[in-house]
Amino acid sequence: MNPQLLRHLWSLVERSQSKHLLALDDNSLVSWLLDQFAGHQSIDQAETDQLHGYIRAKIPLIRDLAQER
């Protein structure tokens, strides 16, 4: 996966409100992050699929980071 995409994703996670991230179920969290990501940067279907899988794998870390803030 493109390192720029990863940086953008983690920046988005850090800028997002913790309460919102924690309130969403797993599927909603993935969808919301992808929607937010696509709103800031155009990505093709292959990148979307890669991000989807990556976000899914990192949900526990995303939630841990949100709880710590």
PDB file of N, CA and C in Angstrom:
ATOM      1  N   MET A   1       0.846  -1.178   0.000  1.00  0.00           N
ATOM      2  CA  MET A   1       0.000   0.000   0.000  1.00  0.00           C
ATOM      3  C   MET A   1       0.894   1.243   0.000  1.00  0.00           C
ATOM      4  N   ASN A   2       0.421   2.249  -0.653  1.00  0.00           N
ATOM      5  CA  ASN A   2       1.125   3.519  -0.791  1.00  0.00           C
ATOM      6  C   ASN A   2       1.326   4.170   0.589  1.00  0.00           C
ATOM      7  N   PRO A   3       2.571   4.506   0.946  1.00  0.00           N
ATOM      8  CA  PRO A   3       2.817   5.142   2.247  1.00  0.00           C
ATOM      9  C   PRO A   3       2.049   6.456   2.435  1.00  0.00           C
ATOM     10  N   GLN A   4       1.833   7.183   1.362  1.00  0.00           N
ATOM     11  CA  GLN A   4       1.074   8.439   1.457  1.00  0.00           C
ATOM     12  C   GLN A   4      -0.362   8.165   1.892  1.00  0.00           C
ATOM     13  N   LEU A   5      -0.954   7.086   1.380  1.00  0.00           N
ATOM     14  CA  LEU A   5      -2.311   6.726   1.788  1.00  0.00           C
ATOM     15  C   LEU A   5      -2.351   6.381   3.274  1.00  0.00           C
ATOM     16  N   LEU A   6      -1.349   5.651   3.722  1.00  0.00           N
ATOM     17  CA  LEU A   6      -1.297   5.287   5.138  1.00  0.00           C
ATOM     18  C   LEU A   6      -1.164   6.517   6.028  1.00  0.00           C
ATOM     19  N   ARG A   7      -0.296   7.424   5.656  1.00  0.00           N
ATOM     20  CA  ARG A   7      -0.133   8.657   6.438  1.00  0.00           C
ATOM     21  C   ARG A   7      -1.441   9.435   6.489  1.00  0.00           C
ATOM     22  N   HIS A   8      -2.107   9.523   5.342  1.00  0.00           N
ATOM     23  CA  HIS A   8      -3.374  10.260   5.283  1.00  0.00           C
ATOM     24  C   HIS A   8      -4.421   9.593   6.176  1.00  0.00           C
ATOM     25  N   LEU A   9      -4.498   8.275   6.125  1.00  0.00           N
ATOM     26  CA  LEU A   9      -5.470   7.552   6.944  1.00  0.00           C
ATOM     27  C   LEU A   9      -5.225   7.789   8.431  1.00  0.00           C
ATOM     28  N   TRP A  10      -3.985   7.645   8.880  1.00  0.00           N
ATOM     29  CA  TRP A  10      -3.699   7.808  10.304  1.00  0.00           C
ATOM     30  C   TRP A  10      -3.855   9.252  10.743  1.00  0.00           C
ATOM     31  N   SER A  11      -3.594  10.171   9.859  1.00  0.00           N
ATOM     32  CA  SER A  11      -3.843  11.579  10.159  1.00  0.00           C
ATOM     33  C   SER A  11      -5.341  11.810  10.350  1.00  0.00           C
ATOM     34  N   LEU A  12      -6.137  11.191   9.500  1.00  0.00           N
ATOM     35  CA  LEU A  12      -7.590  11.287   9.607  1.00  0.00           C
ATOM     36  C   LEU A  12      -8.071  10.706  10.937  1.00  0.00           C
ATOM     37  N   VAL A  13      -7.532   9.566  11.317  1.00  0.00           N
ATOM     38  CA  VAL A  13      -7.908   8.947  12.593  1.00  0.00           C
ATOM     39  C   VAL A  13      -7.571   9.889  13.748  1.00  0.00           C
ATOM     40  N   GLU A  14      -6.395  10.486  13.718  1.00  0.00           N
ATOM     41  CA  GLU A  14      -5.976  11.393  14.787  1.00  0.00           C
ATOM     42  C   GLU A  14      -6.834  12.653  14.857  1.00  0.00           C
ATOM     43  N   ARG A  15      -7.302  13.142  13.714  1.00  0.00           N
ATOM     44  CA  ARG A  15      -8.118  14.363  13.682  1.00  0.00           C
ATOM     45  C   ARG A  15      -9.578  14.104  14.031  1.00  0.00           C
ATOM     46  N   SER A  16     -10.000  12.864  13.979  1.00  0.00           N
ATOM     47  CA  SER A  16     -11.404  12.524  14.221  1.00  0.00           C
ATOM     48  C   SER A  16     -11.715  12.564  15.712  1.00  0.00           C
ATOM     49  N   GLN A  17     -12.955  12.888  16.017  1.00  0.00           N
ATOM     50  CA  GLN A  17     -13.373  12.939  17.414  1.00  0.00           C
ATOM     51  C   GLN A  17     -13.435  11.528  17.992  1.00  0.00           C
ATOM     52  N   SER A  18     -12.824  11.360  19.132  1.00  0.00           N
ATOM     53  CA  SER A  18     -12.773  10.048  19.780  1.00  0.00           C
ATOM     54  C   SER A  18     -14.165   9.478  20.022  1.00  0.00           C
ATOM     55  N   LYS A  19     -15.062  10.313  20.517  1.00  0.00           N
ATOM     56  CA  LYS A  19     -16.424   9.850  20.807  1.00  0.00           C
ATOM     57  C   LYS A  19     -17.077   9.253  19.575  1.00  0.00           C
ATOM     58  N   HIS A  20     -16.864   9.899  18.433  1.00  0.00           N
ATOM     59  CA  HIS A  20     -17.474   9.422  17.197  1.00  0.00           C
ATOM     60  C   HIS A  20     -16.884   8.072  16.788  1.00  0.00           C
ATOM     61  N   LEU A  21     -15.566   7.957  16.842  1.00  0.00           N
ATOM     62  CA  LEU A  21     -14.918   6.701  16.464  1.00  0.00           C
ATOM     63  C   LEU A  21     -15.375   5.554  17.357  1.00  0.00           C
ATOM     64  N   LEU A  22     -15.515   5.826  18.641  1.00  0.00           N
ATOM     65  CA  LEU A  22     -15.896   4.782  19.588  1.00  0.00           C
ATOM     66  C   LEU A  22     -17.380   4.432  19.516  1.00  0.00           C
ATOM     67  N   ALA A  23     -18.200   5.345  19.031  1.00  0.00           N
ATOM     68  CA  ALA A  23     -19.642   5.108  18.968  1.00  0.00           C
ATOM     69  C   ALA A  23     -20.043   4.216  17.793  1.00  0.00           C
ATOM     70  N   LEU A  24     -19.195   4.131  16.785  1.00  0.00           N
ATOM     71  CA  LEU A  24     -19.527   3.371  15.583  1.00  0.00           C
ATOM     72  C   LEU A  24     -19.208   1.889  15.754  1.00  0.00           C
ATOM     73  N   ASP A  25     -20.073   1.026  15.185  1.00  0.00           N
ATOM     74  CA  ASP A  25     -19.722  -0.391  15.152  1.00  0.00           C
ATOM     75  C   ASP A  25     -18.635  -0.592  14.089  1.00  0.00           C
ATOM     76  N   ASP A  26     -18.081  -1.783  14.009  1.00  0.00           N
ATOM     77  CA  ASP A  26     -16.942  -2.020  13.118  1.00  0.00           C
ATOM     78  C   ASP A  26     -17.239  -1.671  11.664  1.00  0.00           C
ATOM     79  N   ASN A  27     -18.362  -2.156  11.137  1.00  0.00           N
ATOM     80  CA  ASN A  27     -18.695  -1.879   9.735  1.00  0.00           C
ATOM     81  C   ASN A  27     -18.902  -0.393   9.487  1.00  0.00           C
ATOM     82  N   SER A  28     -19.572   0.265  10.409  1.00  0.00           N
ATOM     83  CA  SER A  28     -19.811   1.703  10.265  1.00  0.00           C
ATOM     84  C   SER A  28     -18.516   2.491  10.360  1.00  0.00           C
ATOM     85  N   LEU A  29     -17.613   2.047  11.216  1.00  0.00           N
ATOM     86  CA  LEU A  29     -16.324   2.719  11.360  1.00  0.00           C
ATOM     87  C   LEU A  29     -15.523   2.629  10.064  1.00  0.00           C
ATOM     88  N   VAL A  30     -15.475   1.444   9.481  1.00  0.00           N
ATOM     89  CA  VAL A  30     -14.761   1.268   8.210  1.00  0.00           C
ATOM     90  C   VAL A  30     -15.384   2.151   7.137  1.00  0.00           C
ATOM     91  N   SER A  31     -16.703   2.114   7.020  1.00  0.00           N
ATOM     92  CA  SER A  31     -17.395   2.913   6.004  1.00  0.00           C
ATOM     93  C   SER A  31     -17.171   4.402   6.218  1.00  0.00           C
ATOM     94  N   TRP A  32     -17.275   4.847   7.457  1.00  0.00           N
ATOM     95  CA  TRP A  32     -17.106   6.267   7.749  1.00  0.00           C
ATOM     96  C   TRP A  32     -15.693   6.732   7.415  1.00  0.00           C
ATOM     97  N   LEU A  33     -14.682   5.954   7.809  1.00  0.00           N
ATOM     98  CA  LEU A  33     -13.299   6.330   7.502  1.00  0.00           C
ATOM     99  C   LEU A  33     -13.052   6.360   5.999  1.00  0.00           C
ATOM    100  N   LEU A  34     -13.590   5.383   5.277  1.00  0.00           N
ATOM    101  CA  LEU A  34     -13.425   5.377   3.819  1.00  0.00           C
ATOM    102  C   LEU A  34     -14.113   6.582   3.188  1.00  0.00           C
ATOM    103  N   ASP A  35     -15.299   6.913   3.669  1.00  0.00           N
ATOM    104  CA  ASP A  35     -16.011   8.085   3.140  1.00  0.00           C
ATOM    105  C   ASP A  35     -15.234   9.369   3.420  1.00  0.00           C
ATOM    106  N   GLN A  36     -14.733   9.500   4.638  1.00  0.00           N
ATOM    107  CA  GLN A  36     -13.947  10.682   4.987  1.00  0.00           C
ATOM    108  C   GLN A  36     -12.674  10.755   4.155  1.00  0.00           C
ATOM    109  N   PHE A  37     -12.051   9.625   3.971  1.00  0.00           N
ATOM    110  CA  PHE A  37     -10.815   9.560   3.197  1.00  0.00           C
ATOM    111  C   PHE A  37     -11.076   9.982   1.756  1.00  0.00           C
ATOM    112  N   ALA A  38     -12.113   9.425   1.161  1.00  0.00           N
ATOM    113  CA  ALA A  38     -12.437   9.734  -0.236  1.00  0.00           C
ATOM    114  C   ALA A  38     -12.844  11.194  -0.410  1.00  0.00           C
ATOM    115  N   GLY A  39     -13.367  11.807   0.638  1.00  0.00           N
ATOM    116  CA  GLY A  39     -13.739  13.211   0.565  1.00  0.00           C
ATOM    117  C   GLY A  39     -12.551  14.145   0.499  1.00  0.00           C
ATOM    118  N   HIS A  40     -11.396  13.666   0.932  1.00  0.00           N
ATOM    119  CA  HIS A  40     -10.190  14.492   0.941  1.00  0.00           C
ATOM    120  C   HIS A  40      -9.203  14.131  -0.155  1.00  0.00           C
ATOM    121  N   GLN A  41      -9.285  12.910  -0.647  1.00  0.00           N
ATOM    122  CA  GLN A  41      -8.301  12.450  -1.631  1.00  0.00           C
ATOM    123  C   GLN A  41      -8.982  11.449  -2.552  1.00  0.00           C
ATOM    124  N   SER A  42      -8.793  11.613  -3.858  1.00  0.00           N
ATOM    125  CA  SER A  42      -9.405  10.670  -4.790  1.00  0.00           C
ATOM    126  C   SER A  42      -8.580   9.385  -4.817  1.00  0.00           C
ATOM    127  N   ILE A  43      -9.279   8.275  -4.699  1.00  0.00           N
ATOM    128  CA  ILE A  43      -8.630   6.970  -4.733  1.00  0.00           C
ATOM    129  C   ILE A  43      -9.410   6.061  -5.668  1.00  0.00           C
ATOM    130  N   ASP A  44      -8.696   5.135  -6.299  1.00  0.00           N
ATOM    131  CA  ASP A  44      -9.361   4.211  -7.215  1.00  0.00           C
ATOM    132  C   ASP A  44      -9.898   3.003  -6.441  1.00  0.00           C
ATOM    133  N   GLN A  45     -10.570   2.116  -7.152  1.00  0.00           N
ATOM    134  CA  GLN A  45     -11.216   0.976  -6.497  1.00  0.00           C
ATOM    135  C   GLN A  45     -10.198   0.047  -5.831  1.00  0.00           C
ATOM    136  N   ALA A  46      -9.060  -0.161  -6.472  1.00  0.00           N
ATOM    137  CA  ALA A  46      -8.036  -1.037  -5.884  1.00  0.00           C
ATOM    138  C   ALA A  46      -7.529  -0.454  -4.563  1.00  0.00           C
ATOM    139  N   GLU A  47      -7.298   0.850  -4.531  1.00  0.00           N
ATOM    140  CA  GLU A  47      -6.852   1.500  -3.295  1.00  0.00           C
ATOM    141  C   GLU A  47      -7.941   1.453  -2.230  1.00  0.00           C
ATOM    142  N   THR A  48      -9.181   1.620  -2.654  1.00  0.00           N
ATOM    143  CA  THR A  48     -10.304   1.527  -1.724  1.00  0.00           C
ATOM    144  C   THR A  48     -10.358   0.142  -1.096  1.00  0.00           C
ATOM    145  N   ASP A  49     -10.193  -0.885  -1.919  1.00  0.00           N
ATOM    146  CA  ASP A  49     -10.209  -2.261  -1.412  1.00  0.00           C
ATOM    147  C   ASP A  49      -9.055  -2.508  -0.440  1.00  0.00           C
ATOM    148  N   GLN A  50      -7.881  -1.992  -0.775  1.00  0.00           N
ATOM    149  CA  GLN A  50      -6.725  -2.147   0.111  1.00  0.00           C
ATOM    150  C   GLN A  50      -6.960  -1.437   1.441  1.00  0.00           C
ATOM    151  N   LEU A  51      -7.467  -0.216   1.362  1.00  0.00           N
ATOM    152  CA  LEU A  51      -7.748   0.538   2.588  1.00  0.00           C
ATOM    153  C   LEU A  51      -8.803  -0.156   3.438  1.00  0.00           C
ATOM    154  N   HIS A  52      -9.819  -0.695   2.794  1.00  0.00           N
ATOM    155  CA  HIS A  52     -10.877  -1.402   3.509  1.00  0.00           C
ATOM    156  C   HIS A  52     -10.274  -2.539   4.333  1.00  0.00           C
ATOM    157  N   GLY A  53      -9.454  -3.359   3.700  1.00  0.00           N
ATOM    158  CA  GLY A  53      -8.826  -4.469   4.409  1.00  0.00           C
ATOM    159  C   GLY A  53      -7.892  -4.002   5.508  1.00  0.00           C
ATOM    160  N   TYR A  54      -7.149  -2.956   5.240  1.00  0.00           N
ATOM    161  CA  TYR A  54      -6.203  -2.416   6.217  1.00  0.00           C
ATOM    162  C   TYR A  54      -6.947  -1.858   7.429  1.00  0.00           C
ATOM    163  N   ILE A  55      -7.986  -1.072   7.181  1.00  0.00           N
ATOM    164  CA  ILE A  55      -8.767  -0.494   8.287  1.00  0.00           C
ATOM    165  C   ILE A  55      -9.378  -1.606   9.125  1.00  0.00           C
ATOM    166  N   ARG A  56      -9.934  -2.618   8.463  1.00  0.00           N
ATOM    167  CA  ARG A  56     -10.540  -3.741   9.174  1.00  0.00           C
ATOM    168  C   ARG A  56      -9.530  -4.394  10.120  1.00  0.00           C
ATOM    169  N   ALA A  57      -8.296  -4.562   9.619  1.00  0.00           N
ATOM    170  CA  ALA A  57      -7.251  -5.204  10.419  1.00  0.00           C
ATOM    171  C   ALA A  57      -6.789  -4.319  11.575  1.00  0.00           C
ATOM    172  N   LYS A  58      -6.960  -3.018  11.445  1.00  0.00           N
ATOM    173  CA  LYS A  58      -6.463  -2.068  12.445  1.00  0.00           C
ATOM    174  C   LYS A  58      -7.553  -1.520  13.362  1.00  0.00           C
ATOM    175  N   ILE A  59      -8.764  -2.045  13.288  1.00  0.00           N
ATOM    176  CA  ILE A  59      -9.858  -1.545  14.130  1.00  0.00           C
ATOM    177  C   ILE A  59      -9.493  -1.556  15.619  1.00  0.00           C
ATOM    178  N   PRO A  60      -8.914  -2.638  16.145  1.00  0.00           N
ATOM    179  CA  PRO A  60      -8.558  -2.585  17.576  1.00  0.00           C
ATOM    180  C   PRO A  60      -7.583  -1.449  17.904  1.00  0.00           C
ATOM    181  N   LEU A  61      -6.608  -1.222  17.048  1.00  0.00           N
ATOM    182  CA  LEU A  61      -5.651  -0.139  17.274  1.00  0.00           C
ATOM    183  C   LEU A  61      -6.333   1.225  17.179  1.00  0.00           C
ATOM    184  N   ILE A  62      -7.210   1.392  16.204  1.00  0.00           N
ATOM    185  CA  ILE A  62      -7.943   2.655  16.046  1.00  0.00           C
ATOM    186  C   ILE A  62      -8.763   2.936  17.305  1.00  0.00           C
ATOM    187  N   ARG A  63      -9.439   1.922  17.817  1.00  0.00           N
ATOM    188  CA  ARG A  63     -10.246   2.098  19.030  1.00  0.00           C
ATOM    189  C   ARG A  63      -9.359   2.387  20.250  1.00  0.00           C
ATOM    190  N   ASP A  64      -8.233   1.703  20.353  1.00  0.00           N
ATOM    191  CA  ASP A  64      -7.302   1.964  21.463  1.00  0.00           C
ATOM    192  C   ASP A  64      -6.807   3.407  21.435  1.00  0.00           C
ATOM    193  N   LEU A  65      -6.428   3.879  20.259  1.00  0.00           N
ATOM    194  CA  LEU A  65      -5.956   5.260  20.129  1.00  0.00           C
ATOM    195  C   LEU A  65      -7.049   6.254  20.505  1.00  0.00           C
ATOM    196  N   ALA A  66      -8.274   5.968  20.077  1.00  0.00           N
ATOM    197  CA  ALA A  66      -9.390   6.866  20.391  1.00  0.00           C
ATOM    198  C   ALA A  66      -9.668   6.887  21.895  1.00  0.00           C
ATOM    199  N   GLN A  67      -9.560   5.749  22.560  1.00  0.00           N
ATOM    200  CA  GLN A  67      -9.816   5.688  24.001  1.00  0.00           C
ATOM    201  C   GLN A  67      -8.752   6.423  24.803  1.00  0.00           C
ATOM    202  N   GLU A  68      -7.535   6.465  24.284  1.00  0.00           N
ATOM    203  CA  GLU A  68      -6.447   7.114  25.009  1.00  0.00           C
ATOM    204  C   GLU A  68      -6.524   8.635  24.958  1.00  0.00           C
ATOM    205  N   ARG A  69      -7.317   9.176  24.047  1.00  0.00           N
ATOM    206  CA  ARG A  69      -7.396  10.643  23.931  1.00  0.00           C
ATOM    207  C   ARG A  69      -8.447  11.210  24.839  1.00  0.00           C
TER     208      ARG A  69
END
